[in-house]
Amino acid sequence: MQLISVNLGRATAVDYTDAEGGMTGIGKRPVPGPVRVVAPGTKATGLGSGLEGDVVCDRRHHGGDHQAVYAYAREDLDLWERELGRELPCGLFGENLTTSGIDLNTARIGDRWQVGADLVLEVASARIPCRTFQGAMGEAGWVKRFTQEARPGAYLRVIEEGSVSPGDPIRTVHRPDHDVTVQLWFRAFTTERELLPLTLAAGEAMEPKAHERVRLYVEKYGAGAGAR
């Protein structure tokens, strides 16, 4: 397991975002590193991205401690290359870290990885596709297609700050005792709401806002799988 690319974005004016000022930082490009990674603080009021030099323009919906870093697997980018018939360079999906040797879809919420010498990251949630992502890709129906494929990549929070560079090894330092994977979480919060009660097994590794959504669902429909 290793990090093959570290990607940073800068604010760019586009016509396909609802962010204030019509700016987005989704178009990220590989950099040589090292890049410092820190806990960015509360969404909307903190730094936005956890990577120094990276820009989050729409801080209403992106960034903050629970979305400090976005990781996507090179293996999944390669799959999409075959599906779309076009080259997909590292960073095109807006990911900060492009990984190799990790199935991010079966990673568990709460998994902790050491990247390089001192950075420790924890899997917090999955990426939910948005209008800006579709506009950046230039693919009709992209949000629906990406959602149906359910290979969303993982949002990570920073447990121990550090610096990373391409080629850094990644190793698992903690594996929680539950079965709430990134893919299960994604399906529950997008197309299969009946799975929402199952995500509670992730405990405190699931962000408070997501916990509240599940609580309201259970309050209305009950905790049994299959409830709607």
Protein backbone atom coordinates (compact mmCIF):
# COMPACT_ATOMS: atom_id res chain seq x y z
CA MET A 1 0.00 0.00 0.00
CA GLN A 2 1.43 3.32 -0.99
CA LEU A 3 0.69 6.90 -1.90
CA ILE A 4 1.36 7.48 -5.59
CA SER A 5 0.25 11.10 -5.92
CA VAL A 6 -0.34 14.16 -3.73
CA ASN A 7 -2.70 16.61 -5.42
CA LEU A 8 -3.49 20.24 -4.67
CA GLY A 9 -6.09 22.57 -6.19
CA ARG A 10 -6.28 26.31 -6.63
CA ALA A 11 -9.35 28.53 -6.92
CA THR A 12 -10.63 28.63 -10.49
CA ALA A 13 -13.66 30.44 -11.90
CA VAL A 14 -16.17 28.08 -13.60
CA ASP A 15 -19.80 28.17 -14.68
CA TYR A 16 -20.81 24.87 -13.06
CA THR A 17 -20.60 25.54 -9.32
CA ASP A 18 -22.99 27.05 -6.78
CA ALA A 19 -20.11 28.20 -4.58
CA GLU A 20 -19.92 31.86 -3.72
CA GLY A 21 -18.06 33.75 -6.42
CA GLY A 22 -18.35 30.86 -8.87
CA MET A 23 -14.99 29.46 -7.80
CA THR A 24 -13.92 25.84 -7.30
CA GLY A 25 -10.76 24.04 -6.25
CA ILE A 26 -11.84 20.62 -7.55
CA GLY A 27 -9.29 20.56 -10.37
CA LYS A 28 -6.25 19.27 -8.49
CA ARG A 29 -2.78 18.64 -9.87
CA PRO A 30 0.04 16.42 -8.60
CA VAL A 31 2.87 18.07 -6.67
CA PRO A 32 6.26 16.63 -5.68
CA GLY A 33 5.92 17.14 -1.93
CA PRO A 34 6.52 17.13 0.89
CA VAL A 35 3.10 18.59 1.75
CA ARG A 36 2.07 19.33 5.32
CA VAL A 37 -1.27 17.82 6.41
CA VAL A 38 -3.10 19.28 9.41
CA ALA A 39 -6.54 19.23 11.01
CA PRO A 40 -8.26 22.18 9.27
CA GLY A 41 -10.87 22.96 11.91
CA THR A 42 -14.64 23.28 11.76
CA LYS A 43 -16.33 23.27 8.35
CA ALA A 44 -17.14 26.74 7.04
CA THR A 45 -14.89 28.52 9.56
CA GLY A 46 -11.56 26.66 9.47
CA LEU A 47 -8.88 26.26 6.83
CA GLY A 48 -11.05 24.12 4.57
CA SER A 49 -8.57 21.56 3.29
CA GLY A 50 -6.18 19.64 5.51
CA LEU A 51 -3.37 19.98 2.95
CA GLU A 52 -1.32 23.15 2.98
CA GLY A 53 -1.57 24.85 -0.39
CA ASP A 54 -4.89 23.21 -1.30
CA VAL A 55 -8.05 25.30 -1.71
CA VAL A 56 -11.65 24.51 -0.75
CA CYS A 57 -13.95 27.15 -2.22
CA ASP A 58 -17.38 25.90 -1.13
CA ARG A 59 -16.88 25.56 2.61
CA ARG A 60 -20.61 25.16 3.19
CA HIS A 61 -20.45 21.59 1.91
CA HIS A 62 -16.77 20.64 1.76
CA GLY A 63 -13.71 20.63 3.97
CA GLY A 64 -13.38 20.78 7.73
CA ASP A 65 -12.06 18.19 10.17
CA HIS A 66 -14.31 15.36 8.93
CA GLN A 67 -13.45 16.01 5.27
CA ALA A 68 -9.87 17.12 5.77
CA VAL A 69 -8.44 14.84 3.09
CA TYR A 70 -10.06 13.06 0.13
CA ALA A 71 -8.46 9.84 -1.12
CA TYR A 72 -9.21 7.90 -4.28
CA ALA A 73 -7.63 4.67 -5.50
CA ARG A 74 -5.65 4.56 -8.71
CA GLU A 75 -7.23 1.17 -9.33
CA ASP A 76 -10.68 2.77 -9.41
CA LEU A 77 -9.46 5.58 -11.66
CA ASP A 78 -8.15 2.89 -14.03
CA LEU A 79 -11.57 1.21 -13.99
CA TRP A 80 -13.21 4.51 -14.91
CA GLU A 81 -10.66 5.04 -17.67
CA ARG A 82 -11.84 1.81 -19.29
CA GLU A 83 -15.49 2.72 -18.75
CA LEU A 84 -15.20 6.25 -20.14
CA GLY A 85 -12.56 5.59 -22.78
CA ARG A 86 -10.42 8.54 -21.72
CA GLU A 87 -7.34 9.22 -19.65
CA LEU A 88 -7.97 10.17 -16.02
CA PRO A 89 -4.84 11.66 -14.45
CA CYS A 90 -4.34 11.63 -10.69
CA GLY A 91 -6.23 14.48 -9.05
CA LEU A 92 -8.97 14.74 -11.70
CA PHE A 93 -11.64 13.47 -9.30
CA GLY A 94 -10.61 16.18 -6.86
CA GLU A 95 -8.73 13.75 -4.64
CA ASN A 96 -5.85 14.98 -2.49
CA LEU A 97 -4.27 11.54 -2.22
CA THR A 98 -4.21 8.95 -4.98
CA THR A 99 -3.47 5.55 -3.47
CA SER A 100 -2.32 2.19 -4.73
CA GLY A 101 -2.84 -1.21 -3.16
CA ILE A 102 -5.83 -0.20 -0.99
CA ASP A 103 -9.45 -1.10 -1.72
CA LEU A 104 -10.99 2.11 -0.42
CA ASN A 105 -14.47 0.74 -1.00
CA THR A 106 -14.04 -2.00 1.60
CA ALA A 107 -12.16 0.21 4.06
CA ARG A 108 -14.10 0.58 7.31
CA ILE A 109 -15.25 3.83 8.84
CA GLY A 110 -12.69 4.33 11.61
CA ASP A 111 -9.80 2.58 9.87
CA ARG A 112 -6.57 4.39 10.68
CA TRP A 113 -3.61 4.57 8.33
CA GLN A 114 -0.11 5.86 8.87
CA VAL A 115 1.10 7.58 5.73
CA GLY A 116 4.82 8.19 5.55
CA ALA A 117 6.75 8.76 8.75
CA ASP A 118 4.24 10.50 11.01
CA LEU A 119 0.85 11.33 9.43
CA VAL A 120 -2.09 9.30 10.77
CA LEU A 121 -5.46 9.54 9.01
CA GLU A 122 -8.83 8.02 9.91
CA VAL A 123 -11.57 7.03 7.47
CA ALA A 124 -14.55 9.29 8.22
CA SER A 125 -17.06 8.90 5.38
CA ALA A 126 -17.53 8.57 1.63
CA ARG A 127 -17.61 11.28 -1.02
CA ILE A 128 -21.10 12.21 -2.23
CA PRO A 129 -20.98 13.47 -5.85
CA CYS A 130 -22.25 16.96 -6.63
CA ARG A 131 -23.01 19.29 -9.54
CA THR A 132 -19.49 20.72 -9.45
CA PHE A 133 -18.00 17.23 -9.86
CA GLN A 134 -20.24 16.58 -12.85
CA GLY A 135 -19.28 19.89 -14.43
CA ALA A 136 -15.58 19.24 -13.92
CA MET A 137 -15.88 15.81 -15.53
CA GLY A 138 -17.95 17.03 -18.50
CA GLU A 139 -19.86 13.74 -18.58
CA ALA A 140 -23.65 13.79 -19.01
CA GLY A 141 -25.42 12.05 -16.13
CA TRP A 142 -22.15 11.73 -14.23
CA VAL A 143 -23.60 12.10 -10.73
CA LYS A 144 -26.05 9.24 -11.35
CA ARG A 145 -23.42 7.05 -12.97
CA PHE A 146 -20.85 7.64 -10.24
CA THR A 147 -23.47 6.92 -7.57
CA GLN A 148 -24.59 3.68 -9.20
CA GLU A 149 -21.00 2.42 -9.44
CA ALA A 150 -20.54 3.00 -5.67
CA ARG A 151 -16.77 3.52 -5.79
CA PRO A 152 -16.84 6.86 -4.00
CA GLY A 153 -13.41 7.18 -2.41
CA ALA A 154 -12.93 8.09 1.24
CA TYR A 155 -12.93 11.28 3.25
CA LEU A 156 -10.33 11.20 6.01
CA ARG A 157 -9.80 13.13 9.23
CA VAL A 158 -6.36 13.94 10.62
CA ILE A 159 -5.45 12.11 13.85
CA GLU A 160 -1.75 12.98 13.90
CA GLU A 161 -0.41 15.75 11.70
CA GLY A 162 2.54 15.20 9.41
CA SER A 163 3.95 15.61 5.91
CA VAL A 164 3.52 13.38 2.87
CA SER A 165 5.15 12.87 -0.50
CA PRO A 166 4.48 10.62 -3.49
CA GLY A 167 5.87 7.16 -2.87
CA ASP A 168 5.24 7.19 0.87
CA PRO A 169 4.17 3.83 2.28
CA ILE A 170 0.73 3.41 3.85
CA ARG A 171 0.08 0.94 6.63
CA THR A 172 -2.97 0.13 8.69
CA VAL A 173 -2.50 0.96 12.38
CA HIS A 174 -6.08 0.40 13.57
CA ARG A 175 -8.98 -1.69 12.24
CA PRO A 176 -12.33 -1.27 14.05
CA ASP A 177 -14.50 -4.26 14.95
CA HIS A 178 -17.53 -3.56 12.78
CA ASP A 179 -18.58 -4.01 9.15
CA VAL A 180 -19.47 -0.47 8.14
CA THR A 181 -17.42 -0.02 5.00
CA VAL A 182 -17.04 3.10 2.89
CA GLN A 183 -19.21 1.49 0.23
CA LEU A 184 -21.95 0.50 2.70
CA TRP A 185 -21.96 4.01 4.19
CA PHE A 186 -22.19 5.51 0.70
CA ARG A 187 -25.09 3.30 -0.35
CA ALA A 188 -26.92 4.07 2.90
CA PHE A 189 -26.60 7.82 2.45
CA THR A 190 -27.48 7.82 -1.26
CA THR A 191 -29.60 5.07 -2.82
CA GLU A 192 -30.41 2.57 -0.05
CA ARG A 193 -31.69 4.46 2.96
CA GLU A 194 -32.86 1.26 4.61
CA LEU A 195 -29.18 0.60 5.37
CA LEU A 196 -28.84 3.75 7.48
CA PRO A 197 -29.39 2.05 10.87
CA LEU A 198 -26.50 -0.31 10.13
CA THR A 199 -24.07 2.60 9.98
CA LEU A 200 -24.52 3.27 13.70
CA ALA A 201 -22.12 0.38 14.34
CA ALA A 202 -19.31 2.74 13.30
CA GLY A 203 -19.83 4.61 16.58
CA GLU A 204 -17.95 7.85 17.14
CA ALA A 205 -15.96 7.38 13.93
CA MET A 206 -19.06 8.60 12.08
CA GLU A 207 -19.33 12.39 12.06
CA PRO A 208 -22.02 14.03 14.24
CA LYS A 209 -24.02 15.38 11.28
CA ALA A 210 -24.32 11.89 9.81
CA HIS A 211 -25.25 10.49 13.23
CA GLU A 212 -28.07 13.03 13.46
CA ARG A 213 -29.42 12.04 10.05
CA VAL A 214 -29.48 8.38 11.07
CA ARG A 215 -31.11 9.24 14.39
CA LEU A 216 -33.93 11.07 12.63
CA TYR A 217 -34.37 8.18 10.20
CA VAL A 218 -34.58 5.63 13.02
CA GLU A 219 -36.97 7.87 14.95
CA LYS A 220 -39.31 7.93 11.96
CA TYR A 221 -38.94 4.44 10.53
CA GLY A 222 -37.41 2.25 13.21
CA ALA A 223 -34.03 0.55 13.48
CA GLY A 224 -34.81 -2.64 11.60
CA ALA A 225 -32.93 -3.16 8.33
CA GLY A 226 -35.38 -2.87 5.46
CA ALA A 227 -37.41 -0.08 7.06
CA ARG A 228 -38.15 2.84 4.73
